[in-house]
Amino acid sequence: MSDYRATEIPEGLAGERLDAALSRMFGFSRTKAADLIDAGHVKVNQLQPARSFRVSEGDVLEVTIPAERDPLEVRAEMVEGLSVVYDDDDVVVVDKPVGVAAHPSQGWDGPTVLGGLAGLGYRIATSGAPERQGIVHRLDVGTSGLMAVAKSEYAYSHIKQQFRDRTVEKIYHTLVHGRLDPLTGTIDAPIARHPHHDFKFAVMAGGRDSITHYETIEAFAHASLLSVHLETGRTHQIRVHMSAMRHPCVGDEMYGADPTLASKLGLVRQWLHACELEFEHPSSGQRVRLTSAYAPDLQTALDRVREL
């Protein structure tokens, strides 16, 4: 619930700016005081003045402090670019745009797949942690493409088991620096959290087993377009493995990509797209196979690298 407070300006604060007076009276930081004023949560004598307003002794100051939002709460919202490509009683598959997280998390205040589905009126399975109920696999914020979410409890457990059994087919396309030798191969290298960098992973002895199969689709002067099949599904797996091979995904500066090429291609994120997803339907037992076209920014970058 919101916290409402009302008081009079004392003599000692007469002539002060409103944001400074608010900060001193309630112990807010100057920034928080300014944010409350700008958001219309502060009144002086029943009016909403600017933060630079000079207060007088006896002015009636009213402050409404909104309740802090739980960062892990799923908020129903309309997510631009999020489209549903498959839907039935058990599962919904979306084509996720770049800039959208799979679910809420600490430090992320942007749009999420779960929030977008809630905004569209979808009811999702309650299995899983509260902030990621129904999530059977995830895509990075900077990765676009196909992502499945379970709607029924049975579907959640069934599809999760398919991922554990490695029977789900996940095909990604990625544009990487240089040309791989051999053109087709398998990267079998364990991945663990990076010891010196938050939110980053690395190939490390003792990490979780991680297997990536790749095949060159098209080779260019400065880059290669690959089809990648994940046998395992570790966080940042493709990005980490390609970086370890010294062929980072174009645009992926976190893992060593050259920003010069990304700039020439007009790319502001890693060139990585989840373009195929195939799984066994939890109720019918039939295989469901879905595909997704490249996001516009990736297609534009690919066209430009062909011109180069």
C-alpha atoms as a PDB file:
ATOM      1  CA  MET A   1       0.000   0.000   0.000  1.00  0.00           C
ATOM      2  CA  SER A   2       1.050   3.606  -0.556  1.00  0.00           C
ATOM      3  CA  ASP A   3       2.302   5.627   2.421  1.00  0.00           C
ATOM      4  CA  TYR A   4       0.569   9.014   2.842  1.00  0.00           C
ATOM      5  CA  ARG A   5       2.135  11.740   4.989  1.00  0.00           C
ATOM      6  CA  ALA A   6       1.123  15.349   5.675  1.00  0.00           C
ATOM      7  CA  THR A   7       2.899  18.025   7.725  1.00  0.00           C
ATOM      8  CA  GLU A   8       3.673  21.756   7.831  1.00  0.00           C
ATOM      9  CA  ILE A   9       6.933  23.348   6.735  1.00  0.00           C
ATOM     10  CA  PRO A  10       8.859  24.476   9.846  1.00  0.00           C
ATOM     11  CA  GLU A  11      10.471  27.874  10.199  1.00  0.00           C
ATOM     12  CA  GLY A  12      13.967  26.442   9.698  1.00  0.00           C
ATOM     13  CA  LEU A  13      13.207  25.297   6.157  1.00  0.00           C
ATOM     14  CA  ALA A  14      11.482  28.462   4.949  1.00  0.00           C
ATOM     15  CA  GLY A  15      12.959  29.574   1.613  1.00  0.00           C
ATOM     16  CA  GLU A  16      14.386  26.135   0.752  1.00  0.00           C
ATOM     17  CA  ARG A  17      13.737  24.441  -2.593  1.00  0.00           C
ATOM     18  CA  LEU A  18      10.936  21.897  -2.359  1.00  0.00           C
ATOM     19  CA  ASP A  19      13.188  18.930  -3.208  1.00  0.00           C
ATOM     20  CA  ALA A  20      15.726  19.962  -0.555  1.00  0.00           C
ATOM     21  CA  ALA A  21      13.024  20.493   2.082  1.00  0.00           C
ATOM     22  CA  LEU A  22      11.407  17.154   1.289  1.00  0.00           C
ATOM     23  CA  SER A  23      14.761  15.402   1.517  1.00  0.00           C
ATOM     24  CA  ARG A  24      15.592  16.916   4.912  1.00  0.00           C
ATOM     25  CA  MET A  25      12.145  16.413   6.447  1.00  0.00           C
ATOM     26  CA  PHE A  26      11.666  12.771   5.473  1.00  0.00           C
ATOM     27  CA  GLY A  27      15.238  11.523   5.102  1.00  0.00           C
ATOM     28  CA  PHE A  28      14.915  10.836   1.368  1.00  0.00           C
ATOM     29  CA  SER A  29      17.847  11.193  -0.967  1.00  0.00           C
ATOM     30  CA  ARG A  30      17.677  14.338  -3.066  1.00  0.00           C
ATOM     31  CA  THR A  31      17.159  12.154  -6.147  1.00  0.00           C
ATOM     32  CA  LYS A  32      14.204  10.273  -4.630  1.00  0.00           C
ATOM     33  CA  ALA A  33      12.664  13.542  -3.465  1.00  0.00           C
ATOM     34  CA  ALA A  34      12.944  14.958  -6.994  1.00  0.00           C
ATOM     35  CA  ASP A  35      11.458  11.779  -8.496  1.00  0.00           C
ATOM     36  CA  LEU A  36       8.447  11.934  -6.145  1.00  0.00           C
ATOM     37  CA  ILE A  37       7.840  15.576  -7.052  1.00  0.00           C
ATOM     38  CA  ASP A  38       8.189  14.965 -10.803  1.00  0.00           C
ATOM     39  CA  ALA A  39       5.772  12.012 -10.563  1.00  0.00           C
ATOM     40  CA  GLY A  40       3.106  14.214  -8.967  1.00  0.00           C
ATOM     41  CA  HIS A  41       3.256  12.551  -5.541  1.00  0.00           C
ATOM     42  CA  VAL A  42       3.986  15.800  -3.659  1.00  0.00           C
ATOM     43  CA  LYS A  43       1.586  18.680  -2.998  1.00  0.00           C
ATOM     44  CA  VAL A  44       2.107  22.032  -1.304  1.00  0.00           C
ATOM     45  CA  ASN A  45      -1.105  23.704  -0.186  1.00  0.00           C
ATOM     46  CA  GLN A  46      -3.005  21.231  -2.423  1.00  0.00           C
ATOM     47  CA  LEU A  47      -1.020  22.263  -5.514  1.00  0.00           C
ATOM     48  CA  GLN A  48       1.688  20.316  -7.365  1.00  0.00           C
ATOM     49  CA  PRO A  49       4.685  22.670  -7.706  1.00  0.00           C
ATOM     50  CA  ALA A  50       8.002  22.031  -9.445  1.00  0.00           C
ATOM     51  CA  ARG A  51      10.995  20.765  -7.500  1.00  0.00           C
ATOM     52  CA  SER A  52      12.510  24.303  -7.592  1.00  0.00           C
ATOM     53  CA  PHE A  53       9.524  25.813  -5.752  1.00  0.00           C
ATOM     54  CA  ARG A  54      10.580  27.730  -2.621  1.00  0.00           C
ATOM     55  CA  VAL A  55       8.589  26.674   0.433  1.00  0.00           C
ATOM     56  CA  SER A  56       7.363  28.991   3.206  1.00  0.00           C
ATOM     57  CA  GLU A  57       6.812  28.433   6.906  1.00  0.00           C
ATOM     58  CA  GLY A  58       3.396  26.919   7.521  1.00  0.00           C
ATOM     59  CA  ASP A  59       2.958  25.521   3.984  1.00  0.00           C
ATOM     60  CA  VAL A  60       1.046  22.244   4.125  1.00  0.00           C
ATOM     61  CA  LEU A  61       3.214  19.525   2.587  1.00  0.00           C
ATOM     62  CA  GLU A  62       1.509  16.284   1.459  1.00  0.00           C
ATOM     63  CA  VAL A  63       3.515  13.306   0.239  1.00  0.00           C
ATOM     64  CA  THR A  64       2.258   9.998  -1.149  1.00  0.00           C
ATOM     65  CA  ILE A  65       5.001   7.377  -1.262  1.00  0.00           C
ATOM     66  CA  PRO A  66       4.088   4.559  -3.682  1.00  0.00           C
ATOM     67  CA  ALA A  67       4.610   1.029  -2.426  1.00  0.00           C
ATOM     68  CA  GLU A  68       7.877  -0.490  -3.607  1.00  0.00           C
ATOM     69  CA  ARG A  69       7.290  -2.891  -6.487  1.00  0.00           C
ATOM     70  CA  ASP A  70       8.541  -6.431  -6.058  1.00  0.00           C
ATOM     71  CA  PRO A  71      11.142  -6.825  -8.854  1.00  0.00           C
ATOM     72  CA  LEU A  72      10.175 -10.501  -9.197  1.00  0.00           C
ATOM     73  CA  GLU A  73       6.470  -9.806  -9.641  1.00  0.00           C
ATOM     74  CA  VAL A  74       5.039 -10.658 -13.067  1.00  0.00           C
ATOM     75  CA  ARG A  75       3.356  -7.517 -14.397  1.00  0.00           C
ATOM     76  CA  ALA A  76       0.739  -7.842 -17.130  1.00  0.00           C
ATOM     77  CA  GLU A  77       1.858  -5.595 -19.984  1.00  0.00           C
ATOM     78  CA  MET A  78       1.657  -5.250 -23.728  1.00  0.00           C
ATOM     79  CA  VAL A  79       5.071  -6.142 -25.152  1.00  0.00           C
ATOM     80  CA  GLU A  80       5.777  -4.618 -28.545  1.00  0.00           C
ATOM     81  CA  GLY A  81       6.912  -7.171 -31.104  1.00  0.00           C
ATOM     82  CA  LEU A  82       5.997 -10.246 -29.041  1.00  0.00           C
ATOM     83  CA  SER A  83       3.933 -12.609 -31.189  1.00  0.00           C
ATOM     84  CA  VAL A  84       2.297 -15.961 -30.475  1.00  0.00           C
ATOM     85  CA  VAL A  85       3.155 -18.587 -33.106  1.00  0.00           C
ATOM     86  CA  TYR A  86       1.586 -21.651 -31.451  1.00  0.00           C
ATOM     87  CA  ASP A  87      -1.092 -22.038 -28.796  1.00  0.00           C
ATOM     88  CA  ASP A  88      -3.230 -24.825 -27.339  1.00  0.00           C
ATOM     89  CA  ASP A  89      -4.358 -26.006 -23.897  1.00  0.00           C
ATOM     90  CA  ASP A  90      -0.875 -27.226 -22.953  1.00  0.00           C
ATOM     91  CA  VAL A  91       1.707 -24.898 -24.406  1.00  0.00           C
ATOM     92  CA  VAL A  92       2.163 -21.491 -25.976  1.00  0.00           C
ATOM     93  CA  VAL A  93       5.172 -20.652 -28.142  1.00  0.00           C
ATOM     94  CA  VAL A  94       6.156 -17.045 -28.749  1.00  0.00           C
ATOM     95  CA  ASP A  95       8.510 -15.320 -31.149  1.00  0.00           C
ATOM     96  CA  LYS A  96      10.444 -13.150 -28.698  1.00  0.00           C
ATOM     97  CA  PRO A  97      11.857  -9.807 -29.861  1.00  0.00           C
ATOM     98  CA  VAL A  98      15.208  -8.478 -28.686  1.00  0.00           C
ATOM     99  CA  GLY A  99      15.111  -6.464 -25.444  1.00  0.00           C
ATOM    100  CA  VAL A 100      12.619  -8.742 -23.713  1.00  0.00           C
ATOM    101  CA  ALA A 101      13.582 -11.031 -20.815  1.00  0.00           C
ATOM    102  CA  ALA A 102      12.007 -14.442 -20.311  1.00  0.00           C
ATOM    103  CA  HIS A 103      10.787 -13.581 -16.799  1.00  0.00           C
ATOM    104  CA  PRO A 104      11.287 -10.977 -14.045  1.00  0.00           C
ATOM    105  CA  SER A 105      14.611 -10.963 -12.203  1.00  0.00           C
ATOM    106  CA  GLN A 106      16.637  -8.800  -9.832  1.00  0.00           C
ATOM    107  CA  GLY A 107      18.092  -5.827 -11.690  1.00  0.00           C
ATOM    108  CA  TRP A 108      15.763  -6.132 -14.716  1.00  0.00           C
ATOM    109  CA  ASP A 109      12.946  -3.606 -15.030  1.00  0.00           C
ATOM    110  CA  GLY A 110      12.142  -4.091 -18.711  1.00  0.00           C
ATOM    111  CA  PRO A 111       9.449  -6.137 -20.471  1.00  0.00           C
ATOM    112  CA  THR A 112       9.197  -9.911 -20.043  1.00  0.00           C
ATOM    113  CA  VAL A 113       7.666 -12.805 -21.947  1.00  0.00           C
ATOM    114  CA  LEU A 114       5.549 -13.777 -18.924  1.00  0.00           C
ATOM    115  CA  GLY A 115       4.336 -10.192 -18.544  1.00  0.00           C
ATOM    116  CA  GLY A 116       3.491 -10.024 -22.230  1.00  0.00           C
ATOM    117  CA  LEU A 117       1.534 -13.284 -22.094  1.00  0.00           C
ATOM    118  CA  ALA A 118      -0.325 -12.060 -18.999  1.00  0.00           C
ATOM    119  CA  GLY A 119      -1.146  -8.851 -20.867  1.00  0.00           C
ATOM    120  CA  LEU A 120      -2.633 -10.942 -23.677  1.00  0.00           C
ATOM    121  CA  GLY A 121      -4.798 -12.836 -21.182  1.00  0.00           C
ATOM    122  CA  TYR A 122      -2.901 -16.130 -21.098  1.00  0.00           C
ATOM    123  CA  ARG A 123      -3.010 -18.324 -18.002  1.00  0.00           C
ATOM    124  CA  ILE A 124       0.308 -20.074 -17.454  1.00  0.00           C
ATOM    125  CA  ALA A 125       1.216 -23.180 -15.436  1.00  0.00           C
ATOM    126  CA  THR A 126       1.978 -22.452 -11.767  1.00  0.00           C
ATOM    127  CA  SER A 127       4.872 -24.914 -11.625  1.00  0.00           C
ATOM    128  CA  GLY A 128       8.332 -23.444 -11.118  1.00  0.00           C
ATOM    129  CA  ALA A 129       9.589 -20.511  -9.055  1.00  0.00           C
ATOM    130  CA  PRO A 130       6.957 -17.746  -8.643  1.00  0.00           C
ATOM    131  CA  GLU A 131       8.729 -15.316 -10.991  1.00  0.00           C
ATOM    132  CA  ARG A 132       9.218 -17.921 -13.740  1.00  0.00           C
ATOM    133  CA  GLN A 133       6.165 -20.141 -13.544  1.00  0.00           C
ATOM    134  CA  GLY A 134       5.641 -22.133 -16.723  1.00  0.00           C
ATOM    135  CA  ILE A 135       9.107 -21.364 -18.082  1.00  0.00           C
ATOM    136  CA  VAL A 136      10.646 -24.533 -19.546  1.00  0.00           C
ATOM    137  CA  HIS A 137      13.609 -22.821 -21.257  1.00  0.00           C
ATOM    138  CA  ARG A 138      14.875 -19.279 -21.678  1.00  0.00           C
ATOM    139  CA  LEU A 139      16.404 -16.916 -24.208  1.00  0.00           C
ATOM    140  CA  ASP A 140      18.783 -14.076 -23.336  1.00  0.00           C
ATOM    141  CA  VAL A 141      17.408 -10.533 -23.417  1.00  0.00           C
ATOM    142  CA  GLY A 142      19.619  -9.868 -26.448  1.00  0.00           C
ATOM    143  CA  THR A 143      18.566 -13.021 -28.313  1.00  0.00           C
ATOM    144  CA  SER A 144      15.417 -13.155 -30.430  1.00  0.00           C
ATOM    145  CA  GLY A 145      13.346 -16.102 -31.598  1.00  0.00           C
ATOM    146  CA  LEU A 146      11.227 -19.027 -30.452  1.00  0.00           C
ATOM    147  CA  MET A 147      10.499 -19.742 -26.803  1.00  0.00           C
ATOM    148  CA  ALA A 148       7.963 -22.183 -25.325  1.00  0.00           C
ATOM    149  CA  VAL A 149       5.975 -21.663 -22.115  1.00  0.00           C
ATOM    150  CA  ALA A 150       3.853 -24.369 -20.471  1.00  0.00           C
ATOM    151  CA  LYS A 151       0.173 -23.624 -19.805  1.00  0.00           C
ATOM    152  CA  SER A 152      -0.707 -26.844 -17.955  1.00  0.00           C
ATOM    153  CA  GLU A 153       1.104 -28.466 -15.031  1.00  0.00           C
ATOM    154  CA  TYR A 154       1.412 -31.727 -16.947  1.00  0.00           C
ATOM    155  CA  ALA A 155       2.935 -29.934 -19.931  1.00  0.00           C
ATOM    156  CA  TYR A 156       5.454 -28.213 -17.665  1.00  0.00           C
ATOM    157  CA  SER A 157       6.792 -31.458 -16.190  1.00  0.00           C
ATOM    158  CA  HIS A 158       6.630 -33.299 -19.538  1.00  0.00           C
ATOM    159  CA  ILE A 159       8.531 -30.674 -21.549  1.00  0.00           C
ATOM    160  CA  LYS A 160      11.055 -30.075 -18.755  1.00  0.00           C
ATOM    161  CA  GLN A 161      11.791 -33.808 -18.867  1.00  0.00           C
ATOM    162  CA  GLN A 162      12.292 -33.600 -22.624  1.00  0.00           C
ATOM    163  CA  PHE A 163      14.918 -30.923 -22.059  1.00  0.00           C
ATOM    164  CA  ARG A 164      16.615 -33.098 -19.439  1.00  0.00           C
ATOM    165  CA  ASP A 165      16.533 -36.060 -21.847  1.00  0.00           C
ATOM    166  CA  ARG A 166      17.880 -33.796 -24.623  1.00  0.00           C
ATOM    167  CA  THR A 167      15.108 -34.729 -27.037  1.00  0.00           C
ATOM    168  CA  VAL A 168      14.053 -31.139 -27.738  1.00  0.00           C
ATOM    169  CA  GLU A 169      15.550 -29.828 -30.987  1.00  0.00           C
ATOM    170  CA  LYS A 170      16.744 -26.225 -30.704  1.00  0.00           C
ATOM    171  CA  ILE A 171      18.330 -24.688 -33.794  1.00  0.00           C
ATOM    172  CA  TYR A 172      19.904 -21.237 -33.673  1.00  0.00           C
ATOM    173  CA  HIS A 173      21.495 -19.207 -36.418  1.00  0.00           C
ATOM    174  CA  THR A 174      24.379 -16.940 -35.538  1.00  0.00           C
ATOM    175  CA  LEU A 175      26.759 -14.680 -37.409  1.00  0.00           C
ATOM    176  CA  VAL A 176      30.287 -15.045 -36.028  1.00  0.00           C
ATOM    177  CA  HIS A 177      33.615 -13.402 -36.720  1.00  0.00           C
ATOM    178  CA  GLY A 178      35.909 -15.095 -39.239  1.00  0.00           C
ATOM    179  CA  ARG A 179      35.688 -18.584 -40.723  1.00  0.00           C
ATOM    180  CA  LEU A 180      35.602 -21.739 -38.645  1.00  0.00           C
ATOM    181  CA  ASP A 181      37.991 -24.591 -39.361  1.00  0.00           C
ATOM    182  CA  PRO A 182      36.547 -27.146 -39.751  1.00  0.00           C
ATOM    183  CA  LEU A 183      33.406 -25.669 -41.296  1.00  0.00           C
ATOM    184  CA  THR A 184      31.288 -28.214 -39.403  1.00  0.00           C
ATOM    185  CA  GLY A 185      32.038 -29.529 -35.957  1.00  0.00           C
ATOM    186  CA  THR A 186      31.193 -30.046 -32.300  1.00  0.00           C
ATOM    187  CA  ILE A 187      32.337 -28.038 -29.304  1.00  0.00           C
ATOM    188  CA  ASP A 188      32.395 -30.106 -26.127  1.00  0.00           C
ATOM    189  CA  ALA A 189      33.642 -27.828 -23.346  1.00  0.00           C
ATOM    190  CA  PRO A 190      32.317 -27.339 -19.781  1.00  0.00           C
ATOM    191  CA  ILE A 191      30.831 -23.967 -18.855  1.00  0.00           C
ATOM    192  CA  ALA A 192      30.794 -22.277 -15.449  1.00  0.00           C
ATOM    193  CA  ARG A 193      30.152 -18.813 -14.076  1.00  0.00           C
ATOM    194  CA  HIS A 194      33.087 -16.489 -14.762  1.00  0.00           C
ATOM    195  CA  PRO A 195      35.207 -16.100 -11.602  1.00  0.00           C
ATOM    196  CA  HIS A 196      35.808 -12.371 -12.075  1.00  0.00           C
ATOM    197  CA  HIS A 197      32.767 -10.980 -13.897  1.00  0.00           C
ATOM    198  CA  ASP A 198      29.124 -10.891 -12.810  1.00  0.00           C
ATOM    199  CA  PHE A 199      26.561 -12.100 -15.376  1.00  0.00           C
ATOM    200  CA  LYS A 200      29.304 -13.654 -17.497  1.00  0.00           C
ATOM    201  CA  PHE A 201      30.221 -17.297 -18.118  1.00  0.00           C
ATOM    202  CA  ALA A 202      33.323 -19.060 -19.412  1.00  0.00           C
ATOM    203  CA  VAL A 203      34.719 -22.420 -20.485  1.00  0.00           C
ATOM    204  CA  MET A 204      36.216 -23.764 -17.276  1.00  0.00           C
ATOM    205  CA  ALA A 205      37.403 -27.091 -15.924  1.00  0.00           C
ATOM    206  CA  GLY A 206      34.833 -28.408 -13.481  1.00  0.00           C
ATOM    207  CA  GLY A 207      31.984 -26.571 -15.169  1.00  0.00           C
ATOM    208  CA  ARG A 208      28.741 -28.170 -16.362  1.00  0.00           C
ATOM    209  CA  ASP A 209      29.022 -30.336 -19.454  1.00  0.00           C
ATOM    210  CA  SER A 210      28.095 -28.300 -22.529  1.00  0.00           C
ATOM    211  CA  ILE A 211      27.855 -29.554 -26.110  1.00  0.00           C
ATOM    212  CA  THR A 212      27.318 -27.384 -29.181  1.00  0.00           C
ATOM    213  CA  HIS A 213      27.097 -28.667 -32.771  1.00  0.00           C
ATOM    214  CA  TYR A 214      27.623 -26.144 -35.571  1.00  0.00           C
ATOM    215  CA  GLU A 215      27.519 -26.096 -39.365  1.00  0.00           C
ATOM    216  CA  THR A 216      28.575 -23.262 -41.644  1.00  0.00           C
ATOM    217  CA  ILE A 217      25.699 -22.086 -43.821  1.00  0.00           C
ATOM    218  CA  GLU A 218      27.519 -19.280 -45.608  1.00  0.00           C
ATOM    219  CA  ALA A 219      31.055 -17.873 -45.340  1.00  0.00           C
ATOM    220  CA  PHE A 220      31.873 -14.219 -46.025  1.00  0.00           C
ATOM    221  CA  ALA A 221      35.071 -12.191 -46.109  1.00  0.00           C
ATOM    222  CA  HIS A 222      34.784 -11.138 -42.470  1.00  0.00           C
ATOM    223  CA  ALA A 223      32.224 -13.465 -40.914  1.00  0.00           C
ATOM    224  CA  SER A 224      30.341 -16.764 -41.146  1.00  0.00           C
ATOM    225  CA  LEU A 225      26.666 -17.590 -40.805  1.00  0.00           C
ATOM    226  CA  LEU A 226      26.261 -20.763 -38.736  1.00  0.00           C
ATOM    227  CA  SER A 227      23.445 -23.148 -37.912  1.00  0.00           C
ATOM    228  CA  VAL A 228      23.876 -24.262 -34.303  1.00  0.00           C
ATOM    229  CA  HIS A 229      22.236 -27.223 -32.602  1.00  0.00           C
ATOM    230  CA  LEU A 230      22.401 -27.239 -28.806  1.00  0.00           C
ATOM    231  CA  GLU A 231      22.641 -30.627 -27.167  1.00  0.00           C
ATOM    232  CA  THR A 232      22.710 -28.949 -23.757  1.00  0.00           C
ATOM    233  CA  GLY A 233      21.186 -25.622 -22.740  1.00  0.00           C
ATOM    234  CA  ARG A 234      23.616 -23.697 -20.546  1.00  0.00           C
ATOM    235  CA  THR A 235      23.324 -19.959 -19.980  1.00  0.00           C
ATOM    236  CA  HIS A 236      25.080 -18.056 -22.820  1.00  0.00           C
ATOM    237  CA  GLN A 237      26.232 -21.421 -24.231  1.00  0.00           C
ATOM    238  CA  ILE A 238      26.551 -20.421 -27.893  1.00  0.00           C
ATOM    239  CA  ARG A 239      28.135 -17.086 -27.016  1.00  0.00           C
ATOM    240  CA  VAL A 240      30.653 -18.698 -24.653  1.00  0.00           C
ATOM    241  CA  HIS A 241      31.590 -21.545 -26.982  1.00  0.00           C
ATOM    242  CA  MET A 242      31.986 -19.306 -30.028  1.00  0.00           C
ATOM    243  CA  SER A 243      34.141 -16.913 -27.996  1.00  0.00           C
ATOM    244  CA  ALA A 244      36.280 -19.811 -26.774  1.00  0.00           C
ATOM    245  CA  MET A 245      36.823 -20.788 -30.439  1.00  0.00           C
ATOM    246  CA  ARG A 246      37.948 -17.178 -31.105  1.00  0.00           C
ATOM    247  CA  HIS A 247      34.919 -16.652 -33.334  1.00  0.00           C
ATOM    248  CA  PRO A 248      32.577 -14.600 -31.103  1.00  0.00           C
ATOM    249  CA  CYS A 249      29.076 -13.753 -32.252  1.00  0.00           C
ATOM    250  CA  VAL A 250      29.126 -10.498 -34.175  1.00  0.00           C
ATOM    251  CA  GLY A 251      27.949  -7.675 -31.922  1.00  0.00           C
ATOM    252  CA  ASP A 252      28.631  -9.604 -28.705  1.00  0.00           C
ATOM    253  CA  GLU A 253      31.161  -7.286 -27.057  1.00  0.00           C
ATOM    254  CA  MET A 254      30.747  -9.026 -23.679  1.00  0.00           C
ATOM    255  CA  TYR A 255      32.410 -12.083 -25.195  1.00  0.00           C
ATOM    256  CA  GLY A 256      35.072 -10.381 -27.269  1.00  0.00           C
ATOM    257  CA  ALA A 257      33.400  -9.296 -30.519  1.00  0.00           C
ATOM    258  CA  ASP A 258      35.024  -6.478 -32.479  1.00  0.00           C
ATOM    259  CA  PRO A 259      32.671  -3.469 -32.251  1.00  0.00           C
ATOM    260  CA  THR A 260      33.971  -2.126 -35.572  1.00  0.00           C
ATOM    261  CA  LEU A 261      32.221  -4.785 -37.650  1.00  0.00           C
ATOM    262  CA  ALA A 262      28.991  -4.473 -35.661  1.00  0.00           C
ATOM    263  CA  SER A 263      29.058  -0.713 -36.267  1.00  0.00           C
ATOM    264  CA  LYS A 264      29.463  -1.230 -40.021  1.00  0.00           C
ATOM    265  CA  LEU A 265      26.483  -3.596 -39.968  1.00  0.00           C
ATOM    266  CA  GLY A 266      24.306  -1.299 -37.843  1.00  0.00           C
ATOM    267  CA  LEU A 267      24.106  -4.000 -35.161  1.00  0.00           C
ATOM    268  CA  VAL A 268      23.645  -3.125 -31.471  1.00  0.00           C
ATOM    269  CA  ARG A 269      23.328  -6.661 -30.035  1.00  0.00           C
ATOM    270  CA  GLN A 270      24.677 -10.142 -30.664  1.00  0.00           C
ATOM    271  CA  TRP A 271      23.645 -11.679 -33.992  1.00  0.00           C
ATOM    272  CA  LEU A 272      21.861 -14.706 -32.549  1.00  0.00           C
ATOM    273  CA  HIS A 273      18.382 -15.998 -33.334  1.00  0.00           C
ATOM    274  CA  ALA A 274      16.433 -19.062 -32.144  1.00  0.00           C
ATOM    275  CA  CYS A 275      14.976 -20.015 -35.513  1.00  0.00           C
ATOM    276  CA  GLU A 276      13.726 -23.611 -35.008  1.00  0.00           C
ATOM    277  CA  LEU A 277      12.110 -25.424 -32.080  1.00  0.00           C
ATOM    278  CA  GLU A 278      10.835 -28.999 -32.119  1.00  0.00           C
ATOM    279  CA  PHE A 279       9.398 -30.955 -29.193  1.00  0.00           C
ATOM    280  CA  GLU A 280       6.984 -33.794 -28.454  1.00  0.00           C
ATOM    281  CA  HIS A 281       3.525 -32.524 -27.659  1.00  0.00           C
ATOM    282  CA  PRO A 282       2.796 -33.508 -24.026  1.00  0.00           C
ATOM    283  CA  SER A 283      -0.765 -34.665 -24.749  1.00  0.00           C
ATOM    284  CA  SER A 284      -0.806 -35.996 -28.318  1.00  0.00           C
ATOM    285  CA  GLY A 285       2.756 -37.321 -28.421  1.00  0.00           C
ATOM    286  CA  GLN A 286       3.185 -35.871 -31.899  1.00  0.00           C
ATOM    287  CA  ARG A 287       6.248 -33.808 -32.773  1.00  0.00           C
ATOM    288  CA  VAL A 288       5.630 -30.054 -33.008  1.00  0.00           C
ATOM    289  CA  ARG A 289       8.088 -28.158 -35.203  1.00  0.00           C
ATOM    290  CA  LEU A 290       8.092 -24.376 -35.469  1.00  0.00           C
ATOM    291  CA  THR A 291      10.288 -21.887 -37.319  1.00  0.00           C
ATOM    292  CA  SER A 292      10.984 -18.174 -37.039  1.00  0.00           C
ATOM    293  CA  ALA A 293      12.314 -15.713 -39.621  1.00  0.00           C
ATOM    294  CA  TYR A 294      15.257 -13.494 -38.727  1.00  0.00           C
ATOM    295  CA  ALA A 295      14.436 -10.342 -36.794  1.00  0.00           C
ATOM    296  CA  PRO A 296      14.670  -7.210 -39.009  1.00  0.00           C
ATOM    297  CA  ASP A 297      17.906  -5.917 -37.447  1.00  0.00           C
ATOM    298  CA  LEU A 298      19.595  -9.281 -37.991  1.00  0.00           C
ATOM    299  CA  GLN A 299      18.414  -9.508 -41.601  1.00  0.00           C
ATOM    300  CA  THR A 300      19.696  -5.999 -42.291  1.00  0.00           C
ATOM    301  CA  ALA A 301      23.099  -6.842 -40.789  1.00  0.00           C
ATOM    302  CA  LEU A 302      23.269 -10.049 -42.844  1.00  0.00           C
ATOM    303  CA  ASP A 303      22.475  -8.176 -46.042  1.00  0.00           C
ATOM    304  CA  ARG A 304      25.222  -5.674 -45.266  1.00  0.00           C
ATOM    305  CA  VAL A 305      27.865  -8.314 -44.518  1.00  0.00           C
ATOM    306  CA  ARG A 306      27.086  -9.888 -47.895  1.00  0.00           C
ATOM    307  CA  GLU A 307      27.721  -6.500 -49.524  1.00  0.00           C
ATOM    308  CA  LEU A 308      31.047  -6.159 -47.697  1.00  0.00           C
END
